[in-house]
C-alpha cells in the first residue's frame, strides 16, 4: 500500500465517522428506533467493527514505524536504498476528536 492509499483510507475513515455521528444523532430523536432489536444489533456490530479498525490501525502503524526505523538503520538502509524502499506514512486521523471511537451507547 502506498502513502496515497493510506491518505485516501484516512479520508474515508473520517467520512465514515461523520456519517455515524449523524446517524446516532438522528437515532436520539426516535426512541422506538433505539429500542429496536435490529438497531441494537447494529450498535453492537458497529462497536465491534470500530474496535477491530482501531486494532488494525495500531498494528499497521507499529509495522510502519518498524519499517521506517529499519530503512534508516545501517546496514538495512543500504539494502533499502538499492531496492528503492521509501519511508511510509502512518495511518492518521485528521481530527483529534475522531481518534476516539464513536459513542454507540443509547
PDB file of N, CA and C in Angstrom:
ATOM      1  N   UNK A   1       0.830  -1.185   0.000  1.00  0.00           N
ATOM      2  CA  UNK A   1       0.000   0.000   0.000  1.00  0.00           C
ATOM      3  C   UNK A   1       0.869   1.239   0.000  1.00  0.00           C
ATOM      4  N   UNK A   2       0.577   2.129  -0.862  1.00  0.00           N
ATOM      5  CA  UNK A   2       1.337   3.361  -0.920  1.00  0.00           C
ATOM      6  C   UNK A   2       0.791   4.387   0.048  1.00  0.00           C
ATOM      7  N   UNK A   3       1.542   5.450   0.226  1.00  0.00           N
ATOM      8  CA  UNK A   3       1.124   6.514   1.132  1.00  0.00           C
ATOM      9  C   UNK A   3      -0.169   7.159   0.648  1.00  0.00           C
ATOM     10  N   UNK A   4      -0.338   7.277  -0.666  1.00  0.00           N
ATOM     11  CA  UNK A   4      -1.564   7.854  -1.205  1.00  0.00           C
ATOM     12  C   UNK A   4      -2.776   7.036  -0.829  1.00  0.00           C
ATOM     13  N   UNK A   5      -2.639   5.720  -0.865  1.00  0.00           N
ATOM     14  CA  UNK A   5      -3.743   4.859  -0.474  1.00  0.00           C
ATOM     15  C   UNK A   5      -4.104   5.057   0.993  1.00  0.00           C
ATOM     16  N   UNK A   6      -3.110   5.216   1.850  1.00  0.00           N
ATOM     17  CA  UNK A   6      -3.389   5.412   3.271  1.00  0.00           C
ATOM     18  C   UNK A   6      -4.066   6.754   3.505  1.00  0.00           C
ATOM     19  N   UNK A   7      -3.676   7.758   2.731  1.00  0.00           N
ATOM     20  CA  UNK A   7      -4.326   9.063   2.867  1.00  0.00           C
ATOM     21  C   UNK A   7      -5.788   8.949   2.460  1.00  0.00           C
ATOM     22  N   UNK A   8      -6.044   8.249   1.358  1.00  0.00           N
ATOM     23  CA  UNK A   8      -7.423   8.058   0.906  1.00  0.00           C
ATOM     24  C   UNK A   8      -8.225   7.267   1.930  1.00  0.00           C
ATOM     25  N   UNK A   9      -7.611   6.257   2.509  1.00  0.00           N
ATOM     26  CA  UNK A   9      -8.311   5.470   3.527  1.00  0.00           C
ATOM     27  C   UNK A   9      -8.584   6.304   4.768  1.00  0.00           C
ATOM     28  N   UNK A  10      -7.644   7.162   5.129  1.00  0.00           N
ATOM     29  CA  UNK A  10      -7.868   8.057   6.263  1.00  0.00           C
ATOM     30  C   UNK A  10      -9.033   8.993   6.012  1.00  0.00           C
ATOM     31  N   UNK A  11      -9.112   9.509   4.796  1.00  0.00           N
ATOM     32  CA  UNK A  11     -10.227  10.391   4.435  1.00  0.00           C
ATOM     33  C   UNK A  11     -11.548   9.623   4.465  1.00  0.00           C
ATOM     34  N   UNK A  12     -11.527   8.377   3.992  1.00  0.00           N
ATOM     35  CA  UNK A  12     -12.738   7.552   4.031  1.00  0.00           C
ATOM     36  C   UNK A  12     -13.145   7.267   5.474  1.00  0.00           C
ATOM     37  N   UNK A  13     -12.173   7.012   6.327  1.00  0.00           N
ATOM     38  CA  UNK A  13     -12.445   6.786   7.753  1.00  0.00           C
ATOM     39  C   UNK A  13     -13.074   8.024   8.377  1.00  0.00           C
ATOM     40  N   UNK A  14     -12.564   9.198   8.031  1.00  0.00           N
ATOM     41  CA  UNK A  14     -13.133  10.447   8.545  1.00  0.00           C
ATOM     42  C   UNK A  14     -14.575  10.625   8.079  1.00  0.00           C
ATOM     43  N   UNK A  15     -14.833  10.325   6.809  1.00  0.00           N
ATOM     44  CA  UNK A  15     -16.193  10.454   6.272  1.00  0.00           C
ATOM     45  C   UNK A  15     -17.137   9.474   6.960  1.00  0.00           C
ATOM     46  N   UNK A  16     -16.670   8.253   7.189  1.00  0.00           N
ATOM     47  CA  UNK A  16     -17.495   7.253   7.863  1.00  0.00           C
ATOM     48  C   UNK A  16     -17.815   7.691   9.290  1.00  0.00           C
ATOM     49  N   UNK A  17     -16.837   8.218   9.987  1.00  0.00           N
ATOM     50  CA  UNK A  17     -17.058   8.683  11.362  1.00  0.00           C
ATOM     51  C   UNK A  17     -18.104   9.789  11.398  1.00  0.00           C
ATOM     52  N   UNK A  18     -18.028  10.711  10.449  1.00  0.00           N
ATOM     53  CA  UNK A  18     -19.014  11.795  10.385  1.00  0.00           C
ATOM     54  C   UNK A  18     -20.411  11.240  10.111  1.00  0.00           C
ATOM     55  N   UNK A  19     -20.499  10.276   9.217  1.00  0.00           N
ATOM     56  CA  UNK A  19     -21.792   9.679   8.889  1.00  0.00           C
ATOM     57  C   UNK A  19     -22.379   8.965  10.096  1.00  0.00           C
ATOM     58  N   UNK A  20     -21.544   8.236  10.827  1.00  0.00           N
ATOM     59  CA  UNK A  20     -22.023   7.541  12.023  1.00  0.00           C
ATOM     60  C   UNK A  20     -22.503   8.525  13.080  1.00  0.00           C
ATOM     61  N   UNK A  21     -21.792   9.627  13.240  1.00  0.00           N
ATOM     62  CA  UNK A  21     -22.223  10.639  14.203  1.00  0.00           C
ATOM     63  C   UNK A  21     -23.599  11.174  13.826  1.00  0.00           C
ATOM     64  N   UNK A  22     -23.808  11.404  12.538  1.00  0.00           N
ATOM     65  CA  UNK A  22     -25.104  11.890  12.070  1.00  0.00           C
ATOM     66  C   UNK A  22     -26.194  10.857  12.328  1.00  0.00           C
ATOM     67  N   UNK A  23     -25.910   9.595  12.025  1.00  0.00           N
ATOM     68  CA  UNK A  23     -26.876   8.516  12.247  1.00  0.00           C
ATOM     69  C   UNK A  23     -27.271   8.443  13.713  1.00  0.00           C
ATOM     70  N   UNK A  24     -26.296   8.489  14.604  1.00  0.00           N
ATOM     71  CA  UNK A  24     -26.596   8.378  16.022  1.00  0.00           C
ATOM     72  C   UNK A  24     -27.327   9.611  16.539  1.00  0.00           C
ATOM     73  N   UNK A  25     -27.039  10.769  15.978  1.00  0.00           N
ATOM     74  CA  UNK A  25     -27.762  11.981  16.363  1.00  0.00           C
ATOM     75  C   UNK A  25     -29.227  11.875  15.953  1.00  0.00           C
ATOM     76  N   UNK A  26     -29.482  11.343  14.774  1.00  0.00           N
ATOM     77  CA  UNK A  26     -30.861  11.153  14.311  1.00  0.00           C
ATOM     78  C   UNK A  26     -31.565  10.123  15.184  1.00  0.00           C
ATOM     79  N   UNK A  27     -30.869   9.049  15.532  1.00  0.00           N
ATOM     80  CA  UNK A  27     -31.465   7.986  16.341  1.00  0.00           C
ATOM     81  C   UNK A  27     -31.875   8.489  17.719  1.00  0.00           C
ATOM     82  N   UNK A  28     -31.189   9.487  18.243  1.00  0.00           N
ATOM     83  CA  UNK A  28     -31.538  10.051  19.550  1.00  0.00           C
ATOM     84  C   UNK A  28     -32.963  10.603  19.552  1.00  0.00           C
ATOM     85  N   UNK A  29     -33.448  11.049  18.412  1.00  0.00           N
ATOM     86  CA  UNK A  29     -34.785  11.640  18.319  1.00  0.00           C
ATOM     87  C   UNK A  29     -35.887  10.604  18.139  1.00  0.00           C
ATOM     88  N   UNK A  30     -35.529   9.330  18.010  1.00  0.00           N
ATOM     89  CA  UNK A  30     -36.515   8.282  17.755  1.00  0.00           C
ATOM     90  C   UNK A  30     -36.356   7.158  18.778  1.00  0.00           C
ATOM     91  N   UNK A  31     -37.046   7.265  19.931  1.00  0.00           N
ATOM     92  CA  UNK A  31     -36.904   6.240  20.979  1.00  0.00           C
ATOM     93  C   UNK A  31     -37.291   4.838  20.511  1.00  0.00           C
ATOM     94  N   UNK A  32     -38.288   4.739  19.634  1.00  0.00           N
ATOM     95  CA  UNK A  32     -38.689   3.417  19.154  1.00  0.00           C
ATOM     96  C   UNK A  32     -37.578   2.768  18.326  1.00  0.00           C
ATOM     97  N   UNK A  33     -36.786   3.585  17.639  1.00  0.00           N
ATOM     98  CA  UNK A  33     -35.651   3.060  16.880  1.00  0.00           C
ATOM     99  C   UNK A  33     -34.581   2.553  17.833  1.00  0.00           C
ATOM    100  N   UNK A  34     -34.326   3.319  18.897  1.00  0.00           N
ATOM    101  CA  UNK A  34     -33.308   2.920  19.862  1.00  0.00           C
ATOM    102  C   UNK A  34     -33.674   1.613  20.557  1.00  0.00           C
ATOM    103  N   UNK A  35     -34.970   1.310  20.680  1.00  0.00           N
ATOM    104  CA  UNK A  35     -35.415   0.090  21.346  1.00  0.00           C
ATOM    105  C   UNK A  35     -35.478  -1.098  20.391  1.00  0.00           C
ATOM    106  N   UNK A  36     -35.355  -0.860  19.109  1.00  0.00           N
ATOM    107  CA  UNK A  36     -35.446  -1.926  18.114  1.00  0.00           C
ATOM    108  C   UNK A  36     -34.285  -2.906  18.259  1.00  0.00           C
ATOM    109  N   UNK A  37     -34.611  -4.193  18.212  1.00  0.00           N
ATOM    110  CA  UNK A  37     -33.578  -5.229  18.318  1.00  0.00           C
ATOM    111  C   UNK A  37     -32.589  -5.133  17.157  1.00  0.00           C
ATOM    112  N   UNK A  38     -33.082  -4.819  15.970  1.00  0.00           N
ATOM    113  CA  UNK A  38     -32.183  -4.671  14.818  1.00  0.00           C
ATOM    114  C   UNK A  38     -31.201  -3.515  15.023  1.00  0.00           C
ATOM    115  N   UNK A  39     -31.695  -2.411  15.561  1.00  0.00           N
ATOM    116  CA  UNK A  39     -30.814  -1.267  15.795  1.00  0.00           C
ATOM    117  C   UNK A  39     -29.802  -1.582  16.893  1.00  0.00           C
ATOM    118  N   UNK A  40     -30.237  -2.303  17.922  1.00  0.00           N
ATOM    119  CA  UNK A  40     -29.310  -2.697  18.990  1.00  0.00           C
ATOM    120  C   UNK A  40     -28.224  -3.620  18.447  1.00  0.00           C
ATOM    121  N   UNK A  41     -28.605  -4.510  17.543  1.00  0.00           N
ATOM    122  CA  UNK A  41     -27.611  -5.396  16.919  1.00  0.00           C
ATOM    123  C   UNK A  41     -26.646  -4.581  16.053  1.00  0.00           C
ATOM    124  N   UNK A  42     -27.173  -3.615  15.309  1.00  0.00           N
ATOM    125  CA  UNK A  42     -26.319  -2.724  14.518  1.00  0.00           C
ATOM    126  C   UNK A  42     -25.344  -1.985  15.427  1.00  0.00           C
ATOM    127  N   UNK A  43     -25.837  -1.524  16.545  1.00  0.00           N
ATOM    128  CA  UNK A  43     -24.999  -0.818  17.517  1.00  0.00           C
ATOM    129  C   UNK A  43     -23.861  -1.718  17.995  1.00  0.00           C
ATOM    130  N   UNK A  44     -24.158  -2.969  18.331  1.00  0.00           N
ATOM    131  CA  UNK A  44     -23.119  -3.908  18.773  1.00  0.00           C
ATOM    132  C   UNK A  44     -22.112  -4.175  17.659  1.00  0.00           C
ATOM    133  N   UNK A  45     -22.612  -4.363  16.450  1.00  0.00           N
ATOM    134  CA  UNK A  45     -21.728  -4.629  15.309  1.00  0.00           C
ATOM    135  C   UNK A  45     -20.805  -3.441  15.027  1.00  0.00           C
ATOM    136  N   UNK A  46     -21.346  -2.236  15.087  1.00  0.00           N
ATOM    137  CA  UNK A  46     -20.525  -1.045  14.847  1.00  0.00           C
ATOM    138  C   UNK A  46     -19.448  -0.888  15.914  1.00  0.00           C
ATOM    139  N   UNK A  47     -19.812  -1.165  17.146  1.00  0.00           N
ATOM    140  CA  UNK A  47     -18.837  -1.081  18.233  1.00  0.00           C
ATOM    141  C   UNK A  47     -17.724  -2.101  18.027  1.00  0.00           C
ATOM    142  N   UNK A  48     -18.093  -3.322  17.671  1.00  0.00           N
ATOM    143  CA  UNK A  48     -17.105  -4.372  17.417  1.00  0.00           C
ATOM    144  C   UNK A  48     -16.221  -4.009  16.222  1.00  0.00           C
ATOM    145  N   UNK A  49     -16.830  -3.502  15.170  1.00  0.00           N
ATOM    146  CA  UNK A  49     -16.072  -3.114  13.976  1.00  0.00           C
ATOM    147  C   UNK A  49     -15.103  -1.980  14.283  1.00  0.00           C
ATOM    148  N   UNK A  50     -15.544  -0.998  15.042  1.00  0.00           N
ATOM    149  CA  UNK A  50     -14.662   0.117  15.394  1.00  0.00           C
ATOM    150  C   UNK A  50     -13.475  -0.368  16.216  1.00  0.00           C
ATOM    151  N   UNK A  51     -13.714  -1.300  17.120  1.00  0.00           N
ATOM    152  CA  UNK A  51     -12.604  -1.862  17.900  1.00  0.00           C
ATOM    153  C   UNK A  51     -11.611  -2.587  16.999  1.00  0.00           C
ATOM    154  N   UNK A  52     -12.117  -3.318  16.018  1.00  0.00           N
ATOM    155  CA  UNK A  52     -11.236  -4.023  15.081  1.00  0.00           C
ATOM    156  C   UNK A  52     -10.442  -3.037  14.219  1.00  0.00           C
ATOM    157  N   UNK A  53     -11.085  -1.958  13.797  1.00  0.00           N
ATOM    158  CA  UNK A  53     -10.400  -0.944  12.989  1.00  0.00           C
ATOM    159  C   UNK A  53      -9.286  -0.290  13.799  1.00  0.00           C
ATOM    160  N   UNK A  54      -9.557   0.023  15.054  1.00  0.00           N
ATOM    161  CA  UNK A  54      -8.524   0.624  15.901  1.00  0.00           C
ATOM    162  C   UNK A  54      -7.351  -0.329  16.090  1.00  0.00           C
ATOM    163  N   UNK A  55      -7.645  -1.615  16.305  1.00  0.00           N
ATOM    164  CA  UNK A  55      -6.569  -2.601  16.471  1.00  0.00           C
ATOM    165  C   UNK A  55      -5.754  -2.717  15.187  1.00  0.00           C
ATOM    166  N   UNK A  56      -6.427  -2.733  14.041  1.00  0.00           N
ATOM    167  CA  UNK A  56      -5.718  -2.825  12.758  1.00  0.00           C
ATOM    168  C   UNK A  56      -4.875  -1.577  12.514  1.00  0.00           C
ATOM    169  N   UNK A  57      -5.387  -0.412  12.886  1.00  0.00           N
ATOM    170  CA  UNK A  57      -4.637   0.839  12.725  1.00  0.00           C
ATOM    171  C   UNK A  57      -3.372   0.812  13.583  1.00  0.00           C
ATOM    172  N   UNK A  58      -3.505   0.353  14.829  1.00  0.00           N
ATOM    173  CA  UNK A  58      -2.328   0.258  15.705  1.00  0.00           C
ATOM    174  C   UNK A  58      -1.315  -0.739  15.150  1.00  0.00           C
ATOM    175  N   UNK A  59      -1.798  -1.874  14.644  1.00  0.00           N
ATOM    176  CA  UNK A  59      -0.918  -2.892  14.067  1.00  0.00           C
ATOM    177  C   UNK A  59      -0.179  -2.333  12.851  1.00  0.00           C
ATOM    178  N   UNK A  60      -0.913  -1.689  11.953  1.00  0.00           N
ATOM    179  CA  UNK A  60      -0.319  -1.108  10.749  1.00  0.00           C
ATOM    180  C   UNK A  60       0.727  -0.057  11.119  1.00  0.00           C
ATOM    181  N   UNK A  61       0.350   0.873  11.997  1.00  0.00           N
ATOM    182  CA  UNK A  61       1.277   1.943  12.372  1.00  0.00           C
ATOM    183  C   UNK A  61       2.512   1.399  13.076  1.00  0.00           C
ATOM    184  N   UNK A  62       2.360   0.350  13.871  1.00  0.00           N
ATOM    185  CA  UNK A  62       3.515  -0.280  14.511  1.00  0.00           C
ATOM    186  C   UNK A  62       4.464  -0.879  13.490  1.00  0.00           C
ATOM    187  N   UNK A  63       3.905  -1.544  12.493  1.00  0.00           N
ATOM    188  CA  UNK A  63       4.743  -2.122  11.440  1.00  0.00           C
ATOM    189  C   UNK A  63       5.408  -1.048  10.589  1.00  0.00           C
ATOM    190  N   UNK A  64       4.705   0.026  10.305  1.00  0.00           N
ATOM    191  CA  UNK A  64       5.290   1.131   9.537  1.00  0.00           C
ATOM    192  C   UNK A  64       6.409   1.788  10.337  1.00  0.00           C
ATOM    193  N   UNK A  65       6.201   1.947  11.644  1.00  0.00           N
ATOM    194  CA  UNK A  65       7.261   2.506  12.497  1.00  0.00           C
ATOM    195  C   UNK A  65       8.515   1.628  12.426  1.00  0.00           C
ATOM    196  N   UNK A  66       8.324   0.298  12.530  1.00  0.00           N
ATOM    197  CA  UNK A  66       9.461  -0.626  12.452  1.00  0.00           C
ATOM    198  C   UNK A  66      10.143  -0.551  11.089  1.00  0.00           C
ATOM    199  N   UNK A  67       9.347  -0.526  10.016  1.00  0.00           N
ATOM    200  CA  UNK A  67       9.907  -0.440   8.665  1.00  0.00           C
ATOM    201  C   UNK A  67      10.711   0.845   8.493  1.00  0.00           C
ATOM    202  N   UNK A  68      10.128   1.966   8.895  1.00  0.00           N
ATOM    203  CA  UNK A  68      10.817   3.255   8.754  1.00  0.00           C
ATOM    204  C   UNK A  68      12.113   3.287   9.555  1.00  0.00           C
ATOM    205  N   UNK A  69      12.100   2.684  10.730  1.00  0.00           N
ATOM    206  CA  UNK A  69      13.317   2.628  11.548  1.00  0.00           C
ATOM    207  C   UNK A  69      14.385   1.793  10.865  1.00  0.00           C
ATOM    208  N   UNK A  70      13.984   0.656  10.306  1.00  0.00           N
ATOM    209  CA  UNK A  70      14.951  -0.215   9.637  1.00  0.00           C
ATOM    210  C   UNK A  70      15.508   0.432   8.375  1.00  0.00           C
ATOM    211  N   UNK A  71      14.675   1.155   7.658  1.00  0.00           N
ATOM    212  CA  UNK A  71      15.133   1.830   6.440  1.00  0.00           C
ATOM    213  C   UNK A  71      16.219   2.853   6.772  1.00  0.00           C
ATOM    214  N   UNK A  72      16.172   3.419   7.973  1.00  0.00           N
ATOM    215  CA  UNK A  72      17.153   4.428   8.371  1.00  0.00           C
ATOM    216  C   UNK A  72      18.383   3.832   9.053  1.00  0.00           C
ATOM    217  N   UNK A  73      18.335   2.556   9.428  1.00  0.00           N
ATOM    218  CA  UNK A  73      19.420   1.940  10.204  1.00  0.00           C
ATOM    219  C   UNK A  73      20.401   1.201   9.311  1.00  0.00           C
ATOM    220  N   UNK A  74      21.673   1.278   9.680  1.00  0.00           N
ATOM    221  CA  UNK A  74      22.719   0.545   8.975  1.00  0.00           C
ATOM    222  C   UNK A  74      22.684  -0.904   9.436  1.00  0.00           C
ATOM    223  N   UNK A  75      22.837  -1.873   8.604  1.00  0.00           N
ATOM    224  CA  UNK A  75      23.121  -1.890   7.177  1.00  0.00           C
ATOM    225  C   UNK A  75      21.860  -1.971   6.319  1.00  0.00           C
ATOM    226  N   UNK A  76      20.700  -2.069   6.979  1.00  0.00           N
ATOM    227  CA  UNK A  76      19.456  -2.210   6.226  1.00  0.00           C
ATOM    228  C   UNK A  76      19.210  -1.020   5.315  1.00  0.00           C
ATOM    229  N   UNK A  77      19.708   0.165   5.685  1.00  0.00           N
ATOM    230  CA  UNK A  77      19.480   1.345   4.851  1.00  0.00           C
ATOM    231  C   UNK A  77      20.165   1.210   3.491  1.00  0.00           C
ATOM    232  N   UNK A  78      21.273   0.491   3.435  1.00  0.00           N
ATOM    233  CA  UNK A  78      21.951   0.284   2.150  1.00  0.00           C
ATOM    234  C   UNK A  78      21.106  -0.615   1.245  1.00  0.00           C
ATOM    235  N   UNK A  79      20.577  -1.674   1.805  1.00  0.00           N
ATOM    236  CA  UNK A  79      19.726  -2.598   1.036  1.00  0.00           C
ATOM    237  C   UNK A  79      18.447  -1.875   0.609  1.00  0.00           C
ATOM    238  N   UNK A  80      17.853  -1.136   1.549  1.00  0.00           N
ATOM    239  CA  UNK A  80      16.618  -0.405   1.248  1.00  0.00           C
ATOM    240  C   UNK A  80      16.841   0.582   0.115  1.00  0.00           C
ATOM    241  N   UNK A  81      17.984   1.247   0.120  1.00  0.00           N
ATOM    242  CA  UNK A  81      18.305   2.188  -0.950  1.00  0.00           C
ATOM    243  C   UNK A  81      18.468   1.505  -2.290  1.00  0.00           C
ATOM    244  N   UNK A  82      19.107   0.341  -2.294  1.00  0.00           N
ATOM    245  CA  UNK A  82      19.317  -0.390  -3.550  1.00  0.00           C
ATOM    246  C   UNK A  82      18.002  -0.857  -4.159  1.00  0.00           C
ATOM    247  N   UNK A  83      17.052  -1.226  -3.309  1.00  0.00           N
ATOM    248  CA  UNK A  83      15.787  -1.755  -3.814  1.00  0.00           C
ATOM    249  C   UNK A  83      14.664  -0.723  -3.838  1.00  0.00           C
ATOM    250  N   UNK A  84      14.981   0.507  -3.518  1.00  0.00           N
ATOM    251  CA  UNK A  84      14.002   1.588  -3.650  1.00  0.00           C
ATOM    252  C   UNK A  84      12.956   1.654  -2.552  1.00  0.00           C
ATOM    253  N   UNK A  85      13.232   1.078  -1.388  1.00  0.00           N
ATOM    254  CA  UNK A  85      12.280   1.194  -0.285  1.00  0.00           C
ATOM    255  C   UNK A  85      12.237   2.637   0.193  1.00  0.00           C
ATOM    256  N   UNK A  86      11.065   3.127   0.460  1.00  0.00           N
ATOM    257  CA  UNK A  86      10.865   4.506   0.903  1.00  0.00           C
ATOM    258  C   UNK A  86      10.152   4.514   2.252  1.00  0.00           C
ATOM    259  N   UNK A  87      10.286   5.643   2.943  1.00  0.00           N
ATOM    260  CA  UNK A  87       9.552   5.832   4.191  1.00  0.00           C
ATOM    261  C   UNK A  87       8.051   5.794   3.887  1.00  0.00           C
ATOM    262  N   UNK A  88       7.286   5.173   4.758  1.00  0.00           N
ATOM    263  CA  UNK A  88       5.836   5.087   4.596  1.00  0.00           C
ATOM    264  C   UNK A  88       5.170   6.026   5.599  1.00  0.00           C
ATOM    265  N   UNK A  89       3.975   6.475   5.258  1.00  0.00           N
ATOM    266  CA  UNK A  89       3.222   7.355   6.149  1.00  0.00           C
ATOM    267  C   UNK A  89       2.362   6.525   7.087  1.00  0.00           C
ATOM    268  N   UNK A  90       2.169   7.062   8.285  1.00  0.00           N
ATOM    269  CA  UNK A  90       1.289   6.423   9.250  1.00  0.00           C
ATOM    270  C   UNK A  90      -0.161   6.650   8.847  1.00  0.00           C
ATOM    271  N   UNK A  91      -1.020   5.767   9.317  1.00  0.00           N
ATOM    272  CA  UNK A  91      -2.452   5.916   9.096  1.00  0.00           C
ATOM    273  C   UNK A  91      -2.968   6.831  10.198  1.00  0.00           C
ATOM    274  N   UNK A  92      -3.179   8.089   9.845  1.00  0.00           N
ATOM    275  CA  UNK A  92      -3.569   9.112  10.813  1.00  0.00           C
ATOM    276  C   UNK A  92      -5.013   9.521  10.589  1.00  0.00           C
ATOM    277  N   UNK A  93      -5.646   9.947  11.676  1.00  0.00           N
ATOM    278  CA  UNK A  93      -6.977  10.530  11.589  1.00  0.00           C
ATOM    279  C   UNK A  93      -6.807  12.019  11.820  1.00  0.00           C
ATOM    280  N   UNK A  94      -7.433  12.823  10.971  1.00  0.00           N
ATOM    281  CA  UNK A  94      -7.205  14.269  10.974  1.00  0.00           C
ATOM    282  C   UNK A  94      -7.624  14.947  12.268  1.00  0.00           C
ATOM    283  N   UNK A  95      -8.845  14.743  12.698  1.00  0.00           N
ATOM    284  CA  UNK A  95      -9.353  15.464  13.858  1.00  0.00           C
ATOM    285  C   UNK A  95      -9.083  14.670  15.124  1.00  0.00           C
ATOM    286  N   UNK A  96      -8.606  15.343  16.150  1.00  0.00           N
ATOM    287  CA  UNK A  96      -8.292  14.673  17.413  1.00  0.00           C
ATOM    288  C   UNK A  96      -9.535  14.031  18.017  1.00  0.00           C
ATOM    289  N   UNK A  97     -10.690  14.657  17.843  1.00  0.00           N
ATOM    290  CA  UNK A  97     -11.924  14.098  18.394  1.00  0.00           C
ATOM    291  C   UNK A  97     -12.268  12.768  17.744  1.00  0.00           C
ATOM    292  N   UNK A  98     -11.851  12.569  16.494  1.00  0.00           N
ATOM    293  CA  UNK A  98     -12.170  11.335  15.794  1.00  0.00           C
ATOM    294  C   UNK A  98     -11.213  10.205  16.141  1.00  0.00           C
ATOM    295  N   UNK A  99     -10.193  10.478  16.936  1.00  0.00           N
ATOM    296  CA  UNK A  99      -9.293   9.416  17.379  1.00  0.00           C
ATOM    297  C   UNK A  99     -10.008   8.476  18.337  1.00  0.00           C
ATOM    298  N   UNK A 100     -11.046   8.984  18.972  1.00  0.00           N
ATOM    299  CA  UNK A 100     -11.841   8.158  19.863  1.00  0.00           C
ATOM    300  C   UNK A 100     -12.915   7.448  19.051  1.00  0.00           C
ATOM    301  N   UNK A 101     -13.270   6.258  19.491  1.00  0.00           N
ATOM    302  CA  UNK A 101     -14.335   5.518  18.814  1.00  0.00           C
ATOM    303  C   UNK A 101     -15.640   6.286  18.967  1.00  0.00           C
ATOM    304  N   UNK A 102     -16.470   6.306  17.926  1.00  0.00           N
ATOM    305  CA  UNK A 102     -17.766   6.965  18.064  1.00  0.00           C
ATOM    306  C   UNK A 102     -18.570   6.302  19.171  1.00  0.00           C
ATOM    307  N   UNK A 103     -19.262   7.088  19.967  1.00  0.00           N
ATOM    308  CA  UNK A 103     -20.083   6.551  21.040  1.00  0.00           C
ATOM    309  C   UNK A 103     -21.299   5.889  20.422  1.00  0.00           C
ATOM    310  N   UNK A 104     -21.523   4.626  20.773  1.00  0.00           N
ATOM    311  CA  UNK A 104     -22.646   3.908  20.195  1.00  0.00           C
ATOM    312  C   UNK A 104     -23.620   3.446  21.263  1.00  0.00           C
ATOM    313  N   UNK A 105     -23.483   3.933  22.473  1.00  0.00           N
ATOM    314  CA  UNK A 105     -24.408   3.535  23.527  1.00  0.00           C
ATOM    315  C   UNK A 105     -25.621   4.458  23.524  1.00  0.00           C
ATOM    316  N   UNK A 106     -26.764   3.855  23.727  1.00  0.00           N
ATOM    317  CA  UNK A 106     -28.003   4.630  23.748  1.00  0.00           C
ATOM    318  C   UNK A 106     -28.713   4.373  25.055  1.00  0.00           C
TER     319      UNK A 106
END
